[in-house]
Structure formats: C-alpha cells, structure tokens
Amino acid sequence: MLIKWVQTLGLSLLLMVSAHADLTIEITQGSEGALPIAIVPFQQPVTGAPTQNVDQIVTSDLARSGRFQPLPVADMLSRPVQPNQVDFRDWRALNVENLVIGQVDAKGPGAFDVSFRLYDVYRGEQILGYTLQTSADELRSTSHRIADLIYETLTGNKGAFDTRIAYVTSIADQTGKPTIHLRVADADGYNPSSIVSSSDPIMSPSWSPDGQKIAYVSFENGRSSIYVQEIYTGAREKLTSFKGINGAPVWSPDGTKIALTLSKGGNPDIYIMDVRSKKLTQLTSHWAIDTEPAWSPDGRFIVYTSDRGGNPQIYRVEADGGKAYRMTFEGKYNAKASYSPDGKQLTLVTRVGEDYRIGLMDLRTRDIRLLSTGDLDESPSFAPNGDMIIYATRNKNRGVLAAVSTDGRVEQRLVLQAGDVREPAWSPFHQ
C-alpha cells in the first residue's frame, strides 16, 4: 500500500530447497481430498543428461498445489517408461488414480525432447500426451508447462506453475543497513533476479499484461516517483514525480493505461495515465483519501480504497468516470482490493478485531469470507488462474509471503532465505 492505513489436516512438506531458489516453500495445510497420482522418474539420456530432473519438478509443482498427493518413488511397484511397460494393476493396488510416465531425449548440445503421457489408472487409458522441444536453460519452464497441462486436464482449470512472482526484499548488511530489492522469480521461488536495488524504499510492483514490464514506486532522492521497468532489457522510464504522493500504479487489462494515486492537486485521488502519450485524466475528486486502484478484467471498472465514509472501504467507479459506488459495508476496515481473473470476486484486506486478514468477497452476494489467520496480512494478489492468492504476512518476526487457495483448503508459506519479503504480485500467464 502507498498509504498505510496501518503501519498459515497440518501438512508440513518442505519443497525445493536449493541454492537456486530464493524462496523456500512450505505447504502448511493441504487439501483432504488431494488426488492420488504417481509421477514415475523420467528416463534420462545415456549421455548429455540434463542437470534438472523433470519428474521431480512436476511432482513438486503438483504437490504444492495441495490438490494432488504424489506417490513416493520408493513406494512404486514398477517404474515404466514406455506405454507397453505400464501394468495398471500395480497402480490400482496402490490406490493411485492417475499415472505419469515420460522420458528426456538429447537432441544435440543443450537441446532436448521431453515426452510424457498421463493415464487414467482405473479406466486403463491414456488421457494426455505430448512431446515438447526445449533447451537446458528452459528445462524448468518446460517442466512447469507439463505440470500445467496435467493440472488443467485433471482439474478443468488452467495451471499457473509456469508463471512468476514479483516481490520486494529488505536485506541488511553487517552494519544493519538494509538494501531494498525488487525481485522477480519463478512461481516456485527459483531463478530469482533483482531488477532494481536501492537504499530507498520500493513499493507496489504491478505487472504489465504481457509480463514484460513492472510498474512500481521508488523513493529515490527522498521523494516518491512511479517508474516502469522492462524486465529483460533493464530499461527504465519515470512516469510521474509530482510533489506529494505518487503511488499505487496498476496496469489496465489491455496495457494501454495505468491507474495511479496522485496528490498533486492537494488531496490523494485516482488518476489514469495513457501509457503512450502520458496524458493524465483525473478519475476521482474528493476531500477523502482515494488510493489503491485496481481494474476489472474487462477494463470497465476500477475499484479503490477510500475513507470518504469515515473509515477505509472499497468503492467502484467506471473507468470512464462517473459516480462512486460503495462495495463493502461489513466491518470498519476493507482495503487493497483486486479482481479475480473471472471478475466474480474481489480479494481484499479486512480487519477482524485488531487483526488484518485476507478476505474474498463474492460480488454477487457481497459476502466476505476470511482466508488467512495472521495478525498483519496484506497485499493480496491473485494467481492468473484464480486458484490461489499470494499475500504478505509475518512469521517469527520476519516478513514472509504466504499463499492460500480461494476455497481456503490449501495454505503455503514462502520464506526468504535471508531478510524480509513483502509486496508480492503474481504475473500474468506467459504470452
């Protein structure tokens, strides 16, 4: 948040601990109805084998979704690689409902074909199969794509394993002086990279719809400014640096506009900037604090936080302007709302007693359901498939990230190996 209204069946499965992972992911609560599945170790080439194990990455992806219960390799009665090696009786005896087999074939220096097949064990038939061309550098991403395909086939919803997250870290040196980093990593915490580093605060990262840029707030030179940074080239552009507040940037669904909060008129209001022309249009005009805008998926509406009713609540206005409409009435504090990808729900921060929790509002009924249990949970962000919400919280006096499924049945904690982490933002799907 730019304006701070205030200044996770227990399954403890540790996943993906590696020097290449920036965030360690723990499943703190899994789904009781997790689907039994077996991912057999993939056959590797005799020479030129990759350093990454595709089957292990797929297994970890499916496990951390909380919706699947992978069979330990040690419990497998057989380890087929080819279809003619599959004996469904082995897997029925283990109560496994689905089976994945595959192989990695070397196709030249650093080039591979990855083939896999997904079977319905009880029907005794293949329900999915692909061969994907990849490179050593892209093998993790290819493994995530395989997990996405399996997830979509078995759940009916698109997988989001081959996506990324942006987040802000604060890491102190030996003298206690912190360095702030805006980082981007794979959704499983791997391949982290700092795209901005500063001794000054960084806030409010927001992905462009094509996943190529991030807008954010920086307090360089002692004042807030909004920047847009290209992730791959490092090119950076300053959008605004008006006197007062420059904050809470968020891209429109088509990527042509950015909604933001400015106080250049004397009071914090919502503005819309045309990305190409830099023309500003003032959307709200009120004596209250209006901040934290978020677009609806169809681009028609913007929700935002305002205290015009006496305390922070969520309001909605048409993106072309018009009368503000209050969305939340339950409780004395509701803030930092954003739409689900299907536009049917809002995630938000809601106050319960003295605690701040992540809530999910059904836009049809206006009911708010609590999803988190911390005392200072904030900055919720939907996964692009709408199945999970990532947010910032505290654990053992450290800033950590957490994720919860939208049905509340699966919870994860994402802990930075050193320092604090906050301000998460989940990327869109790869285009």
Protein backbone atom coordinates (compact mmCIF):
# COMPACT_ATOMS: atom_id res chain seq x y z
CA MET A 1 0.00 0.00 0.00
CA LEU A 2 1.19 3.52 -0.67
CA ILE A 3 -0.83 4.98 2.18
CA LYS A 4 -0.59 2.68 5.18
CA TRP A 5 -3.90 2.62 6.98
CA VAL A 6 -1.84 0.56 9.49
CA GLN A 7 1.79 0.67 9.92
CA THR A 8 -0.83 -20.02 7.75
CA LEU A 9 -5.13 -31.60 8.29
CA GLY A 10 -1.41 -29.66 9.03
CA LEU A 11 0.92 -30.92 6.32
CA SER A 12 4.46 -29.64 6.72
CA LEU A 13 6.08 -30.57 3.43
CA LEU A 14 9.26 -28.69 2.56
CA LEU A 15 9.71 -28.25 -1.18
CA MET A 16 12.51 -27.19 -3.49
CA VAL A 17 15.33 -26.33 -1.11
CA SER A 18 18.24 -25.31 -3.32
CA ALA A 19 20.84 -22.64 -3.80
CA HIS A 20 18.89 -21.71 -6.93
CA ALA A 21 15.69 -21.00 -5.01
CA ASP A 22 15.20 -17.59 -3.44
CA LEU A 23 12.04 -18.57 -1.58
CA THR A 24 11.57 -21.78 0.36
CA ILE A 25 8.00 -23.05 0.01
CA GLU A 26 6.27 -24.98 2.77
CA ILE A 27 2.80 -26.46 2.47
CA THR A 28 1.30 -25.65 5.84
CA GLN A 29 -2.14 -27.04 5.03
CA GLY A 30 -3.16 -29.39 2.24
CA SER A 31 -6.50 -30.49 0.86
CA GLU A 32 -8.01 -33.58 2.48
CA GLY A 33 -9.34 -34.65 -0.91
CA ALA A 34 -5.97 -34.47 -2.68
CA LEU A 35 -5.92 -36.70 -5.77
CA PRO A 36 -3.51 -39.68 -5.59
CA ILE A 37 -1.11 -39.51 -8.53
CA ALA A 38 2.18 -41.19 -9.46
CA ILE A 39 4.91 -39.44 -11.45
CA VAL A 40 7.42 -42.13 -12.41
CA PRO A 41 11.07 -40.99 -12.75
CA PHE A 42 11.60 -39.98 -16.38
CA GLN A 43 14.13 -41.90 -18.44
CA GLN A 44 17.26 -39.81 -18.98
CA PRO A 45 19.62 -39.91 -21.99
CA VAL A 46 22.74 -42.06 -21.58
CA THR A 47 24.99 -39.13 -22.50
CA GLY A 48 24.33 -35.43 -22.22
CA ALA A 49 21.74 -35.82 -19.46
CA PRO A 50 20.32 -32.50 -18.14
CA THR A 51 21.10 -31.34 -14.63
CA GLN A 52 17.38 -30.81 -13.90
CA ASN A 53 15.01 -33.72 -13.19
CA VAL A 54 11.75 -33.06 -14.99
CA ASP A 55 9.75 -35.58 -12.96
CA GLN A 56 10.89 -34.06 -9.67
CA ILE A 57 9.86 -30.56 -10.76
CA VAL A 58 6.46 -31.82 -11.94
CA THR A 59 6.00 -33.73 -8.69
CA SER A 60 6.83 -30.67 -6.60
CA ASP A 61 4.51 -28.44 -8.63
CA LEU A 62 1.56 -30.76 -8.25
CA ALA A 63 2.28 -31.35 -4.55
CA ARG A 64 2.49 -27.68 -3.66
CA SER A 65 -0.84 -27.02 -5.36
CA GLY A 66 -2.31 -29.04 -2.49
CA ARG A 67 -4.72 -30.70 -4.90
CA PHE A 68 -2.54 -33.74 -5.63
CA GLN A 69 -0.87 -36.35 -3.45
CA PRO A 70 2.11 -37.72 -5.37
CA LEU A 71 3.18 -41.27 -4.56
CA PRO A 72 6.73 -41.51 -3.15
CA VAL A 73 9.09 -43.14 -5.66
CA ALA A 74 10.16 -45.69 -3.02
CA ASP A 75 6.56 -46.98 -2.83
CA MET A 76 6.23 -47.65 -6.57
CA LEU A 77 5.86 -51.33 -7.54
CA SER A 78 7.23 -50.67 -11.02
CA ARG A 79 8.81 -47.80 -12.94
CA PRO A 80 7.57 -47.91 -16.52
CA VAL A 81 8.93 -45.59 -19.20
CA GLN A 82 7.15 -46.86 -22.33
CA PRO A 83 3.38 -47.47 -22.69
CA ASN A 84 3.88 -51.23 -23.15
CA GLN A 85 5.57 -51.34 -19.73
CA VAL A 86 2.54 -49.99 -17.87
CA ASP A 87 0.65 -52.57 -15.78
CA PHE A 88 -2.36 -50.77 -14.37
CA ARG A 89 -2.79 -53.47 -11.70
CA ASP A 90 0.37 -52.18 -9.99
CA TRP A 91 -1.13 -48.74 -9.62
CA ARG A 92 -4.65 -49.85 -8.71
CA ALA A 93 -3.12 -51.87 -5.88
CA LEU A 94 -1.62 -48.62 -4.58
CA ASN A 95 -4.94 -46.72 -4.98
CA VAL A 96 -3.33 -44.36 -7.49
CA GLU A 97 -5.88 -42.69 -9.76
CA ASN A 98 -3.55 -41.17 -12.35
CA LEU A 99 -0.12 -42.10 -13.66
CA VAL A 100 2.54 -40.04 -15.48
CA ILE A 101 5.45 -41.59 -17.37
CA GLY A 102 8.00 -39.91 -19.60
CA GLN A 103 11.46 -39.59 -20.97
CA VAL A 104 14.05 -36.97 -21.85
CA ASP A 105 15.94 -37.43 -25.15
CA ALA A 106 19.08 -35.50 -26.05
CA LYS A 107 18.82 -33.82 -29.45
CA GLY A 108 22.15 -32.07 -29.58
CA PRO A 109 24.26 -29.88 -27.29
CA GLY A 110 21.89 -28.40 -24.73
CA ALA A 111 18.77 -29.46 -26.69
CA PHE A 112 16.15 -31.99 -25.54
CA ASP A 113 12.82 -33.54 -26.38
CA VAL A 114 10.68 -34.18 -23.32
CA SER A 115 7.84 -36.69 -23.82
CA PHE A 116 5.20 -37.57 -21.27
CA ARG A 117 1.93 -39.48 -21.02
CA LEU A 118 -0.86 -39.14 -18.47
CA TYR A 119 -3.06 -42.16 -17.76
CA ASP A 120 -6.36 -42.73 -16.01
CA VAL A 121 -5.46 -45.81 -13.97
CA TYR A 122 -8.98 -47.11 -13.34
CA ARG A 123 -10.12 -46.70 -16.92
CA GLY A 124 -6.78 -48.06 -18.12
CA GLU A 125 -6.30 -45.48 -20.86
CA GLN A 126 -4.13 -42.54 -21.83
CA ILE A 127 -5.81 -39.16 -21.45
CA LEU A 128 -2.93 -36.83 -22.36
CA GLY A 129 0.42 -37.00 -24.13
CA TYR A 130 2.91 -34.51 -25.55
CA THR A 131 6.47 -34.18 -26.79
CA LEU A 132 7.98 -30.77 -26.05
CA GLN A 133 11.19 -29.41 -27.54
CA THR A 134 13.32 -27.49 -25.06
CA SER A 135 16.83 -26.43 -24.08
CA ALA A 136 18.86 -26.83 -20.92
CA ASP A 137 18.09 -23.24 -19.96
CA GLU A 138 14.35 -23.72 -20.48
CA LEU A 139 14.01 -27.16 -18.92
CA ARG A 140 12.49 -25.88 -15.67
CA SER A 141 9.95 -23.83 -17.59
CA THR A 142 9.12 -26.87 -19.75
CA SER A 143 8.64 -28.96 -16.61
CA HIS A 144 6.26 -26.33 -15.26
CA ARG A 145 4.35 -26.42 -18.56
CA ILE A 146 3.96 -30.18 -18.20
CA ALA A 147 2.61 -29.71 -14.69
CA ASP A 148 0.24 -27.04 -16.05
CA LEU A 149 -1.08 -29.43 -18.70
CA ILE A 150 -1.64 -32.19 -16.15
CA TYR A 151 -3.29 -29.78 -13.74
CA GLU A 152 -5.66 -28.45 -16.38
CA THR A 153 -6.58 -31.94 -17.64
CA LEU A 154 -7.39 -33.23 -14.17
CA THR A 155 -8.95 -30.15 -12.56
CA GLY A 156 -10.51 -28.37 -15.52
CA ASN A 157 -8.72 -25.15 -14.63
CA LYS A 158 -5.59 -23.77 -16.27
CA GLY A 159 -2.38 -24.36 -14.32
CA ALA A 160 -0.21 -21.46 -13.14
CA PHE A 161 3.10 -23.21 -12.41
CA ASP A 162 4.87 -21.66 -15.40
CA THR A 163 4.36 -18.11 -14.10
CA ARG A 164 6.40 -15.71 -12.00
CA ILE A 165 6.07 -13.55 -8.92
CA ALA A 166 7.50 -10.13 -8.16
CA TYR A 167 8.25 -9.12 -4.59
CA VAL A 168 10.23 -6.63 -2.54
CA THR A 169 13.01 -7.76 -0.20
CA SER A 170 14.93 -5.98 2.51
CA ILE A 171 18.34 -7.47 3.38
CA ALA A 172 20.62 -5.83 5.93
CA ASP A 173 24.40 -5.84 5.65
CA GLN A 174 26.82 -6.38 8.55
CA THR A 175 26.28 -2.83 9.75
CA GLY A 176 22.49 -3.28 9.76
CA LYS A 177 21.95 -1.03 6.76
CA PRO A 178 19.22 -2.51 4.55
CA THR A 179 19.26 -2.78 0.78
CA ILE A 180 15.88 -2.94 -0.89
CA HIS A 181 15.47 -5.18 -3.95
CA LEU A 182 12.61 -5.57 -6.37
CA ARG A 183 12.92 -9.21 -7.42
CA VAL A 184 11.30 -11.49 -9.96
CA ALA A 185 11.34 -15.28 -9.55
CA ASP A 186 9.55 -18.33 -10.89
CA ALA A 187 6.36 -19.14 -9.01
CA ASP A 188 8.23 -21.90 -7.14
CA GLY A 189 10.92 -19.46 -5.94
CA TYR A 190 13.59 -20.49 -8.45
CA ASN A 191 15.58 -18.28 -10.81
CA PRO A 192 15.37 -15.10 -8.73
CA SER A 193 16.77 -11.89 -10.16
CA SER A 194 16.88 -8.37 -8.77
CA ILE A 195 15.62 -5.91 -11.35
CA VAL A 196 16.01 -2.90 -9.05
CA SER A 197 18.21 -2.41 -5.97
CA SER A 198 18.15 0.70 -3.79
CA SER A 199 18.88 2.06 -0.34
CA ASP A 200 15.47 3.74 -0.51
CA PRO A 201 12.02 2.13 -0.21
CA ILE A 202 10.43 0.35 -3.19
CA MET A 203 6.72 -0.38 -3.21
CA SER A 204 3.67 -1.53 -5.17
CA PRO A 205 5.02 -3.64 -8.07
CA SER A 206 2.47 -4.20 -10.83
CA TRP A 207 2.92 -6.45 -13.88
CA SER A 208 2.06 -5.32 -17.37
CA PRO A 209 -0.43 -7.68 -19.06
CA ASP A 210 2.26 -9.05 -21.39
CA GLY A 211 4.55 -9.84 -18.43
CA GLN A 212 7.40 -7.78 -19.92
CA LYS A 213 7.34 -4.76 -17.61
CA ILE A 214 6.74 -3.85 -14.00
CA ALA A 215 5.48 -0.51 -12.72
CA TYR A 216 6.50 0.37 -9.17
CA VAL A 217 7.02 3.18 -6.67
CA SER A 218 10.52 4.27 -5.65
CA PHE A 219 11.55 6.82 -3.04
CA GLU A 220 14.87 7.72 -4.63
CA ASN A 221 16.17 11.15 -3.76
CA GLY A 222 13.74 11.37 -0.86
CA ARG A 223 10.50 11.63 -2.83
CA SER A 224 8.05 9.16 -4.33
CA SER A 225 8.11 8.54 -8.06
CA ILE A 226 6.49 5.96 -10.31
CA TYR A 227 8.72 4.04 -12.72
CA VAL A 228 8.17 1.40 -15.38
CA GLN A 229 10.98 -1.11 -15.79
CA GLU A 230 11.47 -3.57 -18.64
CA ILE A 231 12.36 -6.90 -17.04
CA TYR A 232 14.65 -8.30 -19.72
CA THR A 233 16.41 -5.19 -21.01
CA GLY A 234 16.60 -3.24 -17.75
CA ALA A 235 15.35 -0.09 -19.49
CA ARG A 236 13.57 2.22 -17.07
CA GLU A 237 11.22 5.14 -17.53
CA LYS A 238 9.98 7.59 -14.94
CA LEU A 239 6.23 8.16 -15.30
CA THR A 240 5.46 10.61 -12.51
CA SER A 241 7.33 12.55 -9.86
CA PHE A 242 4.88 15.21 -8.78
CA LYS A 243 5.07 16.94 -5.45
CA GLY A 244 3.43 14.79 -2.80
CA ILE A 245 2.14 11.27 -3.36
CA ASN A 246 2.95 9.27 -6.50
CA GLY A 247 1.77 5.76 -5.78
CA ALA A 248 -0.15 2.54 -6.30
CA PRO A 249 0.31 2.10 -10.08
CA VAL A 250 -1.66 -0.69 -11.76
CA TRP A 251 -1.91 -1.58 -15.45
CA SER A 252 -5.15 -1.75 -17.39
CA PRO A 253 -6.00 -5.18 -18.85
CA ASP A 254 -5.05 -4.06 -22.36
CA GLY A 255 -1.78 -2.49 -21.21
CA THR A 256 -2.53 0.95 -22.68
CA LYS A 257 -3.21 2.75 -19.38
CA ILE A 258 -2.04 2.85 -15.78
CA ALA A 259 -4.26 3.84 -12.86
CA LEU A 260 -2.39 5.51 -10.02
CA THR A 261 -2.72 7.72 -6.95
CA LEU A 262 -1.52 11.32 -7.05
CA SER A 263 -1.87 14.16 -4.59
CA LYS A 264 -0.62 16.86 -6.92
CA GLY A 265 -3.97 18.61 -6.58
CA GLY A 266 -3.64 18.74 -2.81
CA ASN A 267 -5.51 15.53 -2.00
CA PRO A 268 -4.86 11.88 -2.89
CA ASP A 269 -7.07 10.95 -5.84
CA ILE A 270 -7.17 8.29 -8.54
CA TYR A 271 -5.84 9.24 -11.95
CA ILE A 272 -5.47 7.35 -15.22
CA MET A 273 -2.43 7.80 -17.42
CA ASP A 274 -2.26 6.93 -21.09
CA VAL A 275 1.00 4.96 -21.29
CA ARG A 276 1.94 6.20 -24.74
CA SER A 277 1.04 9.89 -24.54
CA LYS A 278 1.49 10.25 -20.74
CA LYS A 279 -1.77 12.20 -20.65
CA LEU A 280 -3.39 12.19 -17.21
CA THR A 281 -7.13 12.01 -16.54
CA GLN A 282 -8.42 12.57 -13.01
CA LEU A 283 -10.93 9.87 -12.09
CA THR A 284 -11.89 10.80 -8.52
CA SER A 285 -12.16 14.19 -6.86
CA HIS A 286 -12.94 14.11 -3.16
CA TRP A 287 -11.61 15.54 0.10
CA ALA A 288 -11.01 11.96 1.33
CA ILE A 289 -8.03 9.71 0.64
CA ASP A 290 -8.63 7.71 -2.57
CA THR A 291 -5.91 5.15 -3.31
CA GLU A 292 -5.06 1.56 -4.30
CA PRO A 293 -6.88 1.33 -7.64
CA ALA A 294 -7.44 -1.99 -9.43
CA TRP A 295 -9.04 -2.68 -12.81
CA SER A 296 -11.81 -5.16 -13.54
CA PRO A 297 -10.74 -7.85 -16.06
CA ASP A 298 -12.90 -6.30 -18.78
CA GLY A 299 -11.44 -2.84 -18.15
CA ARG A 300 -14.85 -1.28 -17.45
CA PHE A 301 -14.45 -0.57 -13.74
CA ILE A 302 -11.89 0.45 -11.18
CA VAL A 303 -12.14 -0.43 -7.51
CA TYR A 304 -10.20 1.56 -4.96
CA THR A 305 -9.84 2.28 -1.26
CA SER A 306 -11.38 5.43 0.19
CA ASP A 307 -12.11 6.72 3.67
CA ARG A 308 -14.80 9.09 2.46
CA GLY A 309 -17.35 7.26 4.63
CA GLY A 310 -15.27 7.71 7.78
CA ASN A 311 -13.06 4.61 7.53
CA PRO A 312 -11.35 2.71 4.73
CA GLN A 313 -13.79 0.88 2.45
CA ILE A 314 -13.85 -0.35 -1.15
CA TYR A 315 -15.53 1.76 -3.79
CA ARG A 316 -16.07 1.23 -7.51
CA VAL A 317 -16.22 3.71 -10.35
CA GLU A 318 -16.48 3.30 -14.10
CA ALA A 319 -13.09 3.63 -15.76
CA ASP A 320 -14.50 6.40 -17.95
CA GLY A 321 -15.65 8.33 -14.89
CA GLY A 322 -18.90 8.74 -13.03
CA LYS A 323 -20.40 8.32 -9.59
CA ALA A 324 -18.54 6.31 -6.96
CA TYR A 325 -20.37 3.22 -5.67
CA ARG A 326 -19.54 1.74 -2.26
CA MET A 327 -18.81 -2.01 -2.42
CA THR A 328 -18.06 -3.00 1.20
CA PHE A 329 -20.16 -2.41 4.32
CA GLU A 330 -19.09 -5.29 6.57
CA GLY A 331 -16.53 -4.18 9.17
CA LYS A 332 -14.73 -0.92 9.75
CA TYR A 333 -11.72 -1.58 7.52
CA ASN A 334 -11.58 -3.01 3.98
CA ALA A 335 -8.71 -2.07 1.68
CA LYS A 336 -6.35 -3.11 -1.14
CA ALA A 337 -8.96 -4.87 -3.28
CA SER A 338 -8.33 -6.53 -6.65
CA TYR A 339 -10.47 -8.57 -9.01
CA SER A 340 -10.27 -12.30 -9.61
CA PRO A 341 -9.40 -13.18 -13.22
CA ASP A 342 -13.04 -14.11 -13.93
CA GLY A 343 -14.28 -10.85 -12.44
CA LYS A 344 -16.62 -12.58 -9.98
CA GLN A 345 -14.71 -11.97 -6.76
CA LEU A 346 -12.52 -9.44 -5.01
CA THR A 347 -9.63 -10.23 -2.71
CA LEU A 348 -9.00 -7.58 -0.07
CA VAL A 349 -7.54 -6.84 3.36
CA THR A 350 -10.22 -6.77 6.06
CA ARG A 351 -9.92 -6.00 9.75
CA VAL A 352 -11.14 -8.57 12.28
CA GLY A 353 -10.84 -7.22 15.81
CA GLU A 354 -7.27 -5.96 15.96
CA ASP A 355 -6.05 -8.26 13.19
CA TYR A 356 -5.76 -7.68 9.45
CA ARG A 357 -6.71 -10.69 7.33
CA ILE A 358 -7.07 -11.60 3.67
CA GLY A 359 -10.69 -11.87 2.61
CA LEU A 360 -12.55 -12.95 -0.50
CA MET A 361 -15.72 -11.12 -1.50
CA ASP A 362 -18.34 -12.72 -3.73
CA LEU A 363 -19.51 -9.86 -5.94
CA ARG A 364 -22.96 -11.38 -6.34
CA THR A 365 -23.77 -11.81 -2.64
CA ARG A 366 -21.28 -9.25 -1.25
CA ASP A 367 -20.31 -11.77 1.45
CA ILE A 368 -16.68 -11.67 2.64
CA ARG A 369 -15.02 -14.97 3.55
CA LEU A 370 -11.77 -14.95 5.56
CA LEU A 371 -8.86 -16.85 4.01
CA SER A 372 -5.92 -16.03 6.32
CA THR A 373 -5.30 -16.22 10.06
CA GLY A 374 -2.43 -13.79 10.69
CA ASP A 375 -2.50 -10.54 12.57
CA LEU A 376 -0.99 -8.37 9.84
CA ASP A 377 -1.74 -9.89 6.42
CA GLU A 378 -1.64 -7.56 3.44
CA SER A 379 -1.01 -7.05 -0.30
CA PRO A 380 -3.10 -9.94 -1.72
CA SER A 381 -2.61 -10.86 -5.40
CA PHE A 382 -4.49 -13.48 -7.43
CA ALA A 383 -2.71 -16.17 -9.42
CA PRO A 384 -3.62 -15.71 -13.09
CA ASN A 385 -5.84 -18.82 -12.98
CA GLY A 386 -7.69 -17.54 -9.91
CA ASP A 387 -7.00 -20.66 -7.84
CA MET A 388 -4.55 -19.13 -5.35
CA ILE A 389 -3.91 -15.79 -3.68
CA ILE A 390 -0.42 -14.74 -2.60
CA TYR A 391 -0.01 -12.17 0.17
CA ALA A 392 2.46 -10.72 2.69
CA THR A 393 2.42 -11.67 6.38
CA ARG A 394 4.67 -12.03 9.42
CA ASN A 395 6.24 -15.22 10.80
CA LYS A 396 8.69 -15.30 13.71
CA ASN A 397 9.19 -11.56 13.42
CA ARG A 398 10.09 -11.79 9.76
CA GLY A 399 8.28 -10.58 6.71
CA VAL A 400 7.31 -13.61 4.63
CA LEU A 401 4.91 -14.41 1.83
CA ALA A 402 2.04 -16.83 2.06
CA ALA A 403 -0.44 -18.27 -0.41
CA VAL A 404 -3.91 -19.68 0.11
CA SER A 405 -6.33 -21.36 -2.28
CA THR A 406 -9.51 -19.45 -2.94
CA ASP A 407 -11.50 -22.25 -1.30
CA GLY A 408 -9.32 -21.90 1.81
CA ARG A 409 -8.26 -25.58 1.81
CA VAL A 410 -4.61 -25.18 0.82
CA GLU A 411 -2.08 -22.91 2.53
CA GLN A 412 1.60 -22.28 1.83
CA ARG A 413 4.35 -20.19 3.34
CA LEU A 414 7.15 -18.73 1.21
CA VAL A 415 10.16 -17.75 3.29
CA LEU A 416 13.11 -15.76 2.01
CA GLN A 417 16.43 -17.36 2.92
CA ALA A 418 17.66 -14.06 4.36
CA GLY A 419 15.88 -10.83 5.18
CA ASP A 420 12.26 -9.80 4.89
CA VAL A 421 9.97 -10.13 1.89
CA ARG A 422 6.73 -8.30 1.14
CA GLU A 423 4.62 -6.66 -1.59
CA PRO A 424 4.01 -9.76 -3.76
CA ALA A 425 2.48 -9.57 -7.22
CA TRP A 426 1.67 -12.64 -9.33
CA SER A 427 2.47 -12.38 -13.02
CA PRO A 428 0.03 -12.96 -15.87
CA PHE A 429 0.26 -16.13 -17.96
CA HIS A 430 3.09 -16.32 -20.47
CA GLN A 431 2.06 -14.94 -23.83
